[in-house]
Amino acid sequence: MSSSNKSANQISRDRHSSITAALPLLLALLIGIVAQPAQAQTNFKLLHGFTGPASDGALSYSNLTRDAAGNLFGTTYNGGKLNAGTIFRVDPQGRESIIHSFNGNPDGAYTYTSLVRADNFYGTTNAGGAYGFGTIFKLSFAGVESVLHNFTGGADGAYPYAGLIRDAAGNLYGTTEYGGSSNVGTVFKLDSTGKETLLYSFSGGSDGKYPAGGLVRDAEGNLYGTTGNGGTNGNGVVFKVDPAGTETVLHRFTGVPDGQYPFSTLIRDANGYLYGTTTFGGASGQGAVFKVSPDGKEKVLYSFTGGADGRYPGTGALAYAGGTFYGVANNGGAYGLGIVYKLDSTGKETVLYSFTGGADGGQPASGVVRDSAGNLYGTTSNYGGTCMCGTVFELTQ
């Protein structure tokens, strides 16, 4: 992806390129310094660099899942025995092991999903399975994988992009990006016996289309999510689906300044406010962090400028702690290859780390997870490793 928008530093350099006097040059430098986002003192630790096909995996687009012992679990889109993706574990010492390599048929292929950890791990594959339209799978802690549902590409959905959520009764909920009555996506439920129920089928009009993000669920059983497109302006929506399958659109994005193309999974606070990111839009067209109230009022918390502060925020869920959000941007930063950032309750952004494209990796595509000590863990989708195909990292402050 590229953008014609320029950062404050680039504009400053362009405007003063023909001026040779010392004072204007000094003023230009001062303007550039002021325009930089806040920088934090953080320590980056490379936990693992992926080595690619036929080995440990390549291209991780998933949020990590962390257990009580500090092990990290995630998925890769490629790599493994048949280059159809993997499920991996990285222990606290940085040792990586493959728990499962996908085979395409029957167990699925090419997963973007984050894993749900409960009595087993649960997730989705974007393709493969019996019909080629993706699967819902279960993976035991011992590494035994089983397919719970094969998507047919029809009314039940096709090509699930996001991960799942699970309720206390063991039911799983998720979205498919395609399939359904209009082939523009669904919201579904899978019960503990493996029976899939279609909860909502998008029409592609004002109700939205192509839900690529995951769901969040409240105590009453209402499900909340986003569609990447559709709505009255074609820029995506925030929606609610109640237990009866009735959809309510809470917000329709307009592009500028409120955001465009929300592909992220939402988070929900105790007061019912929803938070997420849009890949584009916002005041500068480079993406935004937003809040939607229970009655549907939207507020932009931060608009990325596309410079040192980042652009194109990742598709995973934001991490949240004590009024502060933590996330990634896929591009921008000091080297143009993405950042990890935090955003406080006043809307002030601090860049925690800028990826260089070296051993540390680059272009983080999903979010970060945070432990009780405040350490952050995540993946990059490109660069780093022996195949330039991504890393697993830790950030400490």
Protein backbone atom coordinates (compact mmCIF):
# COMPACT_ATOMS: atom_id res chain seq x y z
CA MET A 1 0.00 0.00 0.00
CA SER A 2 1.14 3.53 -0.63
CA SER A 3 -0.06 7.02 0.02
CA SER A 4 0.39 10.40 -1.59
CA ASN A 5 0.04 12.15 1.75
CA LYS A 6 3.23 13.48 3.28
CA SER A 7 4.38 13.78 6.87
CA ALA A 8 5.00 17.19 8.45
CA ASN A 9 8.75 16.67 8.02
CA GLN A 10 8.44 15.91 4.29
CA ILE A 11 6.23 18.95 3.68
CA SER A 12 8.69 21.10 5.63
CA ARG A 13 11.64 19.88 3.56
CA ASP A 14 9.79 20.38 0.27
CA ARG A 15 8.72 23.93 1.14
CA HIS A 16 12.22 24.97 2.14
CA SER A 17 14.32 23.04 -0.40
CA SER A 18 15.16 26.18 -2.38
CA ILE A 19 15.98 28.38 0.62
CA THR A 20 19.63 28.55 1.57
CA ALA A 21 19.58 31.08 4.37
CA ALA A 22 20.48 29.71 7.78
CA LEU A 23 17.42 30.98 9.64
CA PRO A 24 14.78 29.36 7.41
CA LEU A 25 16.69 26.07 7.51
CA LEU A 26 16.85 26.22 11.28
CA LEU A 27 13.13 26.95 11.47
CA ALA A 28 12.41 24.00 9.19
CA LEU A 29 14.41 21.69 11.43
CA LEU A 30 12.62 22.98 14.50
CA ILE A 31 9.24 22.40 12.86
CA GLY A 32 10.33 18.83 12.06
CA ILE A 33 11.33 18.22 15.65
CA VAL A 34 8.02 19.49 17.00
CA ALA A 35 6.07 17.33 14.54
CA GLN A 36 7.61 14.09 15.81
CA PRO A 37 5.39 11.94 18.07
CA ALA A 38 6.53 11.18 21.59
CA GLN A 39 9.13 8.42 21.86
CA ALA A 40 9.37 6.00 24.77
CA GLN A 41 12.40 4.17 26.12
CA THR A 42 11.65 0.54 25.37
CA ASN A 43 13.75 -2.57 25.08
CA PHE A 44 13.18 -4.78 22.05
CA LYS A 45 13.87 -8.50 22.30
CA LEU A 46 13.73 -10.81 19.31
CA LEU A 47 12.15 -14.04 20.48
CA HIS A 48 12.09 -15.84 17.14
CA GLY A 49 12.74 -15.21 13.45
CA PHE A 50 10.77 -17.47 11.12
CA THR A 51 12.72 -19.63 8.69
CA GLY A 52 10.03 -20.26 6.12
CA PRO A 53 8.43 -23.03 4.07
CA ALA A 54 9.03 -26.67 4.96
CA SER A 55 10.16 -25.64 8.42
CA ASP A 56 8.74 -23.48 11.19
CA GLY A 57 6.41 -21.09 9.37
CA ALA A 58 6.19 -17.80 7.54
CA LEU A 59 4.01 -14.68 7.62
CA SER A 60 2.20 -14.43 10.94
CA TYR A 61 -0.90 -12.25 10.90
CA SER A 62 -2.31 -13.36 14.26
CA ASN A 63 -2.48 -11.85 17.69
CA LEU A 64 -0.55 -14.05 20.08
CA THR A 65 -2.14 -16.00 22.94
CA ARG A 66 -0.16 -16.29 26.17
CA ASP A 67 -0.53 -18.91 28.93
CA ALA A 68 0.22 -18.65 32.66
CA ALA A 69 3.71 -20.08 32.14
CA GLY A 70 4.60 -17.37 29.63
CA ASN A 71 4.41 -19.50 26.49
CA LEU A 72 3.19 -17.70 23.38
CA PHE A 73 0.96 -19.36 20.79
CA GLY A 74 0.11 -18.16 17.31
CA THR A 75 -0.38 -19.08 13.67
CA THR A 76 1.42 -18.50 10.38
CA TYR A 77 -0.23 -18.12 7.01
CA ASN A 78 2.48 -20.08 5.19
CA GLY A 79 5.23 -22.50 6.12
CA GLY A 80 5.03 -25.94 7.63
CA LYS A 81 5.33 -29.29 5.85
CA LEU A 82 3.07 -28.36 2.93
CA ASN A 83 3.47 -24.56 3.10
CA ALA A 84 -0.19 -24.28 4.16
CA GLY A 85 0.50 -22.64 7.51
CA THR A 86 1.27 -23.64 11.08
CA ILE A 87 0.33 -23.33 14.72
CA PHE A 88 3.42 -22.54 16.78
CA ARG A 89 4.59 -22.09 20.34
CA VAL A 90 7.44 -19.88 21.58
CA ASP A 91 8.55 -20.49 25.16
CA PRO A 92 9.90 -17.75 27.50
CA GLN A 93 13.46 -18.57 26.40
CA GLY A 94 12.57 -17.98 22.75
CA ARG A 95 12.54 -21.63 21.70
CA GLU A 96 9.99 -22.17 18.93
CA SER A 97 8.21 -25.41 18.15
CA ILE A 98 5.54 -26.31 15.62
CA ILE A 99 2.43 -27.78 17.24
CA HIS A 100 0.61 -28.40 13.97
CA SER A 101 1.26 -28.05 10.24
CA PHE A 102 -1.84 -27.61 8.10
CA ASN A 103 -2.37 -29.93 5.15
CA GLY A 104 -5.07 -28.12 3.19
CA ASN A 105 -7.52 -31.01 3.03
CA PRO A 106 -8.98 -32.08 5.36
CA ASP A 107 -7.75 -29.80 8.15
CA GLY A 108 -7.57 -26.40 6.41
CA ALA A 109 -4.97 -24.00 5.09
CA TYR A 110 -3.74 -20.41 5.23
CA THR A 111 -4.82 -19.15 8.62
CA TYR A 112 -4.88 -15.53 9.76
CA THR A 113 -6.53 -16.46 13.03
CA SER A 114 -5.63 -15.78 16.63
CA LEU A 115 -6.21 -18.76 18.88
CA VAL A 116 -8.81 -19.03 21.62
CA ARG A 117 -7.37 -20.90 24.61
CA ALA A 118 -9.92 -22.69 26.82
CA ASP A 119 -10.14 -26.45 27.38
CA ASN A 120 -8.41 -26.67 23.97
CA PHE A 121 -7.24 -24.20 21.37
CA TYR A 122 -9.82 -23.10 18.80
CA GLY A 123 -9.42 -21.21 15.55
CA THR A 124 -10.25 -20.92 11.86
CA THR A 125 -8.48 -21.44 8.56
CA ASN A 126 -9.16 -19.09 5.68
CA ALA A 127 -9.17 -21.86 3.07
CA GLY A 128 -8.83 -25.61 2.73
CA GLY A 129 -10.98 -28.21 4.38
CA ALA A 130 -13.37 -30.58 2.63
CA TYR A 131 -14.79 -27.91 0.31
CA GLY A 132 -11.91 -25.44 0.08
CA PHE A 133 -13.73 -22.60 1.87
CA GLY A 134 -12.05 -22.87 5.27
CA THR A 135 -12.58 -24.65 8.56
CA ILE A 136 -13.18 -24.28 12.28
CA PHE A 137 -10.67 -26.41 14.15
CA LYS A 138 -9.82 -27.59 17.63
CA LEU A 139 -6.28 -28.33 18.78
CA SER A 140 -5.64 -30.19 22.01
CA PHE A 141 -2.83 -29.09 24.29
CA ALA A 142 -1.07 -32.30 23.24
CA GLY A 143 -1.12 -31.11 19.62
CA VAL A 144 -3.96 -33.23 18.21
CA GLU A 145 -6.02 -31.27 15.68
CA SER A 146 -9.60 -31.99 14.64
CA VAL A 147 -11.98 -30.18 12.29
CA LEU A 148 -15.22 -29.04 13.92
CA HIS A 149 -16.79 -27.54 10.80
CA ASN A 150 -16.05 -27.36 7.07
CA PHE A 151 -17.48 -24.27 5.41
CA THR A 152 -19.33 -25.09 2.20
CA GLY A 153 -19.17 -21.64 0.62
CA GLY A 154 -22.96 -21.33 0.65
CA ALA A 155 -25.36 -20.15 3.33
CA ASP A 156 -23.04 -21.23 6.15
CA GLY A 157 -20.25 -18.92 5.01
CA ALA A 158 -16.88 -18.96 3.29
CA TYR A 159 -13.32 -17.87 4.01
CA PRO A 160 -13.27 -16.96 7.71
CA TYR A 161 -10.58 -14.35 8.23
CA ALA A 162 -10.82 -13.66 11.97
CA GLY A 163 -10.57 -15.79 15.08
CA LEU A 164 -13.34 -17.01 17.37
CA ILE A 165 -14.79 -16.19 20.77
CA ARG A 166 -16.19 -18.79 23.17
CA ASP A 167 -18.91 -18.52 25.82
CA ALA A 168 -19.22 -20.35 29.15
CA ALA A 169 -21.36 -23.09 27.57
CA GLY A 170 -18.67 -23.89 25.00
CA ASN A 171 -20.35 -22.24 22.02
CA LEU A 172 -18.06 -20.61 19.47
CA TYR A 173 -18.90 -17.43 17.55
CA GLY A 174 -17.25 -15.88 14.53
CA THR A 175 -17.54 -14.28 11.12
CA THR A 176 -16.86 -15.31 7.53
CA GLU A 177 -15.76 -12.72 5.03
CA TYR A 178 -17.78 -14.29 2.20
CA GLY A 179 -20.69 -16.69 1.84
CA GLY A 180 -24.20 -16.25 3.15
CA SER A 181 -27.27 -15.28 1.14
CA SER A 182 -25.48 -12.48 -0.76
CA ASN A 183 -21.93 -13.91 -0.61
CA VAL A 184 -20.69 -10.90 1.36
CA GLY A 185 -20.26 -12.48 4.77
CA THR A 186 -21.93 -14.00 7.81
CA VAL A 187 -22.04 -14.13 11.59
CA PHE A 188 -22.24 -17.71 12.89
CA LYS A 189 -22.43 -19.84 16.01
CA LEU A 190 -20.99 -23.33 16.47
CA ASP A 191 -22.31 -25.24 19.47
CA SER A 192 -20.40 -27.79 21.53
CA THR A 193 -21.75 -30.65 19.39
CA GLY A 194 -20.34 -29.14 16.19
CA LYS A 195 -23.65 -27.82 14.84
CA GLU A 196 -23.29 -24.53 12.99
CA THR A 197 -26.07 -21.94 13.09
CA LEU A 198 -26.19 -18.92 10.81
CA LEU A 199 -26.97 -15.91 13.02
CA TYR A 200 -26.85 -13.21 10.35
CA SER A 201 -26.17 -12.97 6.64
CA PHE A 202 -25.05 -9.57 5.34
CA SER A 203 -26.82 -8.12 2.31
CA GLY A 204 -23.97 -5.88 1.19
CA GLY A 205 -26.00 -2.68 1.47
CA SER A 206 -26.36 -0.35 4.42
CA ASP A 207 -25.89 -3.28 6.83
CA GLY A 208 -22.29 -3.78 5.68
CA LYS A 209 -20.30 -6.44 3.84
CA TYR A 210 -17.08 -8.43 4.19
CA PRO A 211 -16.67 -8.77 7.97
CA ALA A 212 -12.98 -9.48 8.42
CA GLY A 213 -12.70 -8.74 12.14
CA GLY A 214 -13.67 -10.97 15.02
CA LEU A 215 -16.52 -10.54 17.46
CA VAL A 216 -16.95 -9.39 21.05
CA ARG A 217 -19.89 -10.52 23.19
CA ASP A 218 -21.72 -8.85 26.11
CA ALA A 219 -23.44 -10.47 29.11
CA GLU A 220 -26.82 -10.48 27.30
CA GLY A 221 -25.40 -12.45 24.38
CA ASN A 222 -25.24 -9.55 21.91
CA LEU A 223 -22.38 -9.77 19.42
CA TYR A 224 -20.46 -6.73 18.14
CA GLY A 225 -18.17 -6.45 15.16
CA THR A 226 -17.14 -4.53 12.06
CA THR A 227 -17.44 -4.94 8.31
CA GLY A 228 -14.63 -3.73 6.12
CA ASN A 229 -16.98 -2.38 3.47
CA GLY A 230 -20.64 -1.58 2.94
CA GLY A 231 -22.78 0.86 4.82
CA THR A 232 -24.32 3.93 3.21
CA ASN A 233 -20.89 5.27 2.22
CA GLY A 234 -19.22 1.97 1.37
CA ASN A 235 -16.57 2.53 4.05
CA GLY A 236 -17.66 -0.11 6.56
CA VAL A 237 -19.79 -0.27 9.69
CA VAL A 238 -19.82 -1.16 13.38
CA PHE A 239 -22.70 -3.57 14.02
CA LYS A 240 -24.55 -5.46 16.74
CA VAL A 241 -26.29 -8.82 16.27
CA ASP A 242 -28.65 -9.83 19.09
CA PRO A 243 -29.34 -13.45 20.17
CA ALA A 244 -32.38 -13.54 17.87
CA GLY A 245 -30.22 -12.70 14.84
CA THR A 246 -31.36 -9.10 14.40
CA GLU A 247 -28.61 -6.78 13.19
CA THR A 248 -28.35 -3.13 14.23
CA VAL A 249 -25.81 -0.82 12.62
CA LEU A 250 -24.28 1.34 15.34
CA HIS A 251 -22.08 3.45 13.07
CA ARG A 252 -21.47 3.84 9.34
CA PHE A 253 -18.03 5.23 8.48
CA THR A 254 -17.67 8.16 6.09
CA GLY A 255 -13.91 8.05 5.41
CA VAL A 256 -12.66 11.49 6.44
CA PRO A 257 -12.51 12.31 9.26
CA ASP A 258 -14.13 9.38 11.12
CA GLY A 259 -12.35 6.45 9.47
CA GLN A 260 -12.56 4.04 6.56
CA TYR A 261 -12.37 0.25 6.23
CA PRO A 262 -12.46 -1.10 9.79
CA PHE A 263 -10.87 -4.55 9.63
CA SER A 264 -10.00 -4.79 13.31
CA THR A 265 -11.58 -6.84 16.06
CA LEU A 266 -13.31 -4.59 18.60
CA ILE A 267 -12.78 -4.44 22.33
CA ARG A 268 -15.57 -3.46 24.73
CA ASP A 269 -15.24 -1.80 28.15
CA ALA A 270 -17.39 -2.23 31.26
CA ASN A 271 -19.61 0.69 30.23
CA GLY A 272 -20.39 -0.75 26.81
CA TYR A 273 -18.10 1.49 24.74
CA LEU A 274 -16.50 -0.17 21.72
CA TYR A 275 -12.96 0.59 20.50
CA GLY A 276 -11.19 -0.32 17.29
CA THR A 277 -9.16 0.90 14.34
CA THR A 278 -9.76 1.73 10.70
CA THR A 279 -7.07 0.92 8.17
CA PHE A 280 -7.65 4.13 6.21
CA GLY A 281 -9.56 7.34 6.79
CA GLY A 282 -9.24 9.64 9.75
CA ALA A 283 -8.18 13.25 9.36
CA SER A 284 -5.18 12.41 7.13
CA GLY A 285 -6.50 9.28 5.43
CA GLN A 286 -3.84 7.10 7.09
CA GLY A 287 -6.07 5.30 9.61
CA ALA A 288 -7.68 6.04 12.94
CA VAL A 289 -8.42 4.73 16.43
CA PHE A 290 -12.10 5.19 17.28
CA LYS A 291 -14.66 4.82 20.07
CA VAL A 292 -18.37 4.08 19.61
CA SER A 293 -20.80 4.64 22.49
CA PRO A 294 -23.67 2.23 23.27
CA ASP A 295 -26.07 4.59 21.49
CA GLY A 296 -23.89 4.72 18.36
CA LYS A 297 -22.02 8.00 18.75
CA GLU A 298 -18.55 7.71 17.25
CA LYS A 299 -15.45 9.65 18.29
CA VAL A 300 -12.01 9.54 16.72
CA LEU A 301 -9.44 9.13 19.47
CA TYR A 302 -6.43 9.43 17.16
CA SER A 303 -5.78 10.00 13.45
CA PHE A 304 -2.48 8.74 12.08
CA THR A 305 -0.57 11.21 9.91
CA GLY A 306 1.45 8.64 7.97
CA GLY A 307 4.83 9.85 9.20
CA ALA A 308 6.79 8.91 12.30
CA ASP A 309 3.53 8.23 14.16
CA GLY A 310 2.62 5.39 11.78
CA ARG A 311 -0.07 4.61 9.24
CA TYR A 312 -2.45 1.76 8.45
CA PRO A 313 -3.08 0.35 11.94
CA GLY A 314 -3.11 -3.42 12.28
CA THR A 315 -6.19 -5.60 12.01
CA GLY A 316 -5.96 -7.24 15.43
CA ALA A 317 -7.63 -6.13 18.61
CA LEU A 318 -6.09 -3.32 20.65
CA ALA A 319 -4.62 -4.23 24.01
CA TYR A 320 -6.07 -2.18 26.85
CA ALA A 321 -4.92 -1.53 30.40
CA GLY A 322 -5.62 1.29 32.84
CA GLY A 323 -7.05 3.68 30.29
CA THR A 324 -4.22 3.14 27.80
CA PHE A 325 -4.45 1.38 24.44
CA TYR A 326 -1.59 -0.52 22.77
CA GLY A 327 -1.48 -1.39 19.10
CA VAL A 328 0.57 -1.56 15.91
CA ALA A 329 0.65 0.30 12.61
CA ASN A 330 1.66 -1.66 9.53
CA ASN A 331 3.65 1.18 7.94
CA GLY A 332 5.20 4.48 8.90
CA GLY A 333 7.50 5.10 11.81
CA ALA A 334 11.14 6.09 11.69
CA TYR A 335 11.95 3.54 8.96
CA GLY A 336 8.59 3.30 7.21
CA LEU A 337 8.09 -0.33 8.23
CA GLY A 338 5.63 -0.02 11.09
CA ILE A 339 5.49 0.73 14.79
CA VAL A 340 4.19 -0.36 18.16
CA TYR A 341 2.38 2.51 19.87
CA LYS A 342 0.41 3.40 22.97
CA LEU A 343 -2.45 5.85 23.17
CA ASP A 344 -3.45 7.41 26.49
CA SER A 345 -6.91 8.53 27.60
CA THR A 346 -6.28 12.08 26.34
CA GLY A 347 -5.48 10.88 22.82
CA LYS A 348 -1.72 11.36 23.10
CA GLU A 349 0.20 8.80 21.04
CA THR A 350 3.64 7.52 22.04
CA VAL A 351 5.71 5.42 19.65
CA LEU A 352 7.15 2.54 21.63
CA TYR A 353 9.16 1.00 18.80
CA SER A 354 9.85 1.57 15.09
CA PHE A 355 10.71 -1.54 13.08
CA THR A 356 13.85 -1.36 10.95
CA GLY A 357 13.28 -4.26 8.55
CA GLY A 358 16.41 -5.97 9.84
CA ALA A 359 16.52 -8.86 12.28
CA ASP A 360 13.64 -7.27 14.21
CA GLY A 361 11.23 -7.66 11.27
CA GLY A 362 8.77 -5.19 9.83
CA GLN A 363 5.16 -4.48 8.88
CA PRO A 364 3.31 -5.85 11.94
CA ALA A 365 -0.15 -6.81 10.75
CA SER A 366 -1.98 -7.70 13.93
CA GLY A 367 -2.04 -6.42 17.49
CA VAL A 368 0.00 -6.96 20.64
CA VAL A 369 -0.80 -8.73 23.90
CA ARG A 370 0.22 -7.38 27.30
CA ASP A 371 1.19 -9.30 30.42
CA SER A 372 0.61 -8.26 34.05
CA ALA A 373 4.08 -6.67 34.20
CA GLY A 374 3.32 -4.45 31.20
CA ASN A 375 5.47 -6.32 28.67
CA LEU A 376 4.11 -6.46 25.12
CA TYR A 377 4.32 -9.41 22.72
CA GLY A 378 3.58 -9.50 19.02
CA THR A 379 4.53 -10.62 15.53
CA THR A 380 5.71 -9.00 12.32
CA SER A 381 4.45 -10.26 8.99
CA ASN A 382 7.55 -9.50 6.93
CA TYR A 383 11.31 -9.05 7.13
CA GLY A 384 13.47 -10.64 9.80
CA GLY A 385 14.21 -14.34 10.11
CA THR A 386 16.24 -16.25 7.55
CA CYS A 387 13.53 -15.93 4.90
CA MET A 388 12.47 -12.32 5.50
CA CYS A 389 9.09 -13.69 6.56
CA GLY A 390 8.44 -12.36 10.03
CA THR A 391 9.34 -12.47 13.70
CA VAL A 392 8.00 -12.91 17.21
CA PHE A 393 9.08 -10.14 19.60
CA GLU A 394 8.86 -8.80 23.15
CA LEU A 395 8.89 -5.14 24.23
CA THR A 396 9.67 -4.10 27.79
CA GLN A 397 9.50 -0.57 29.23
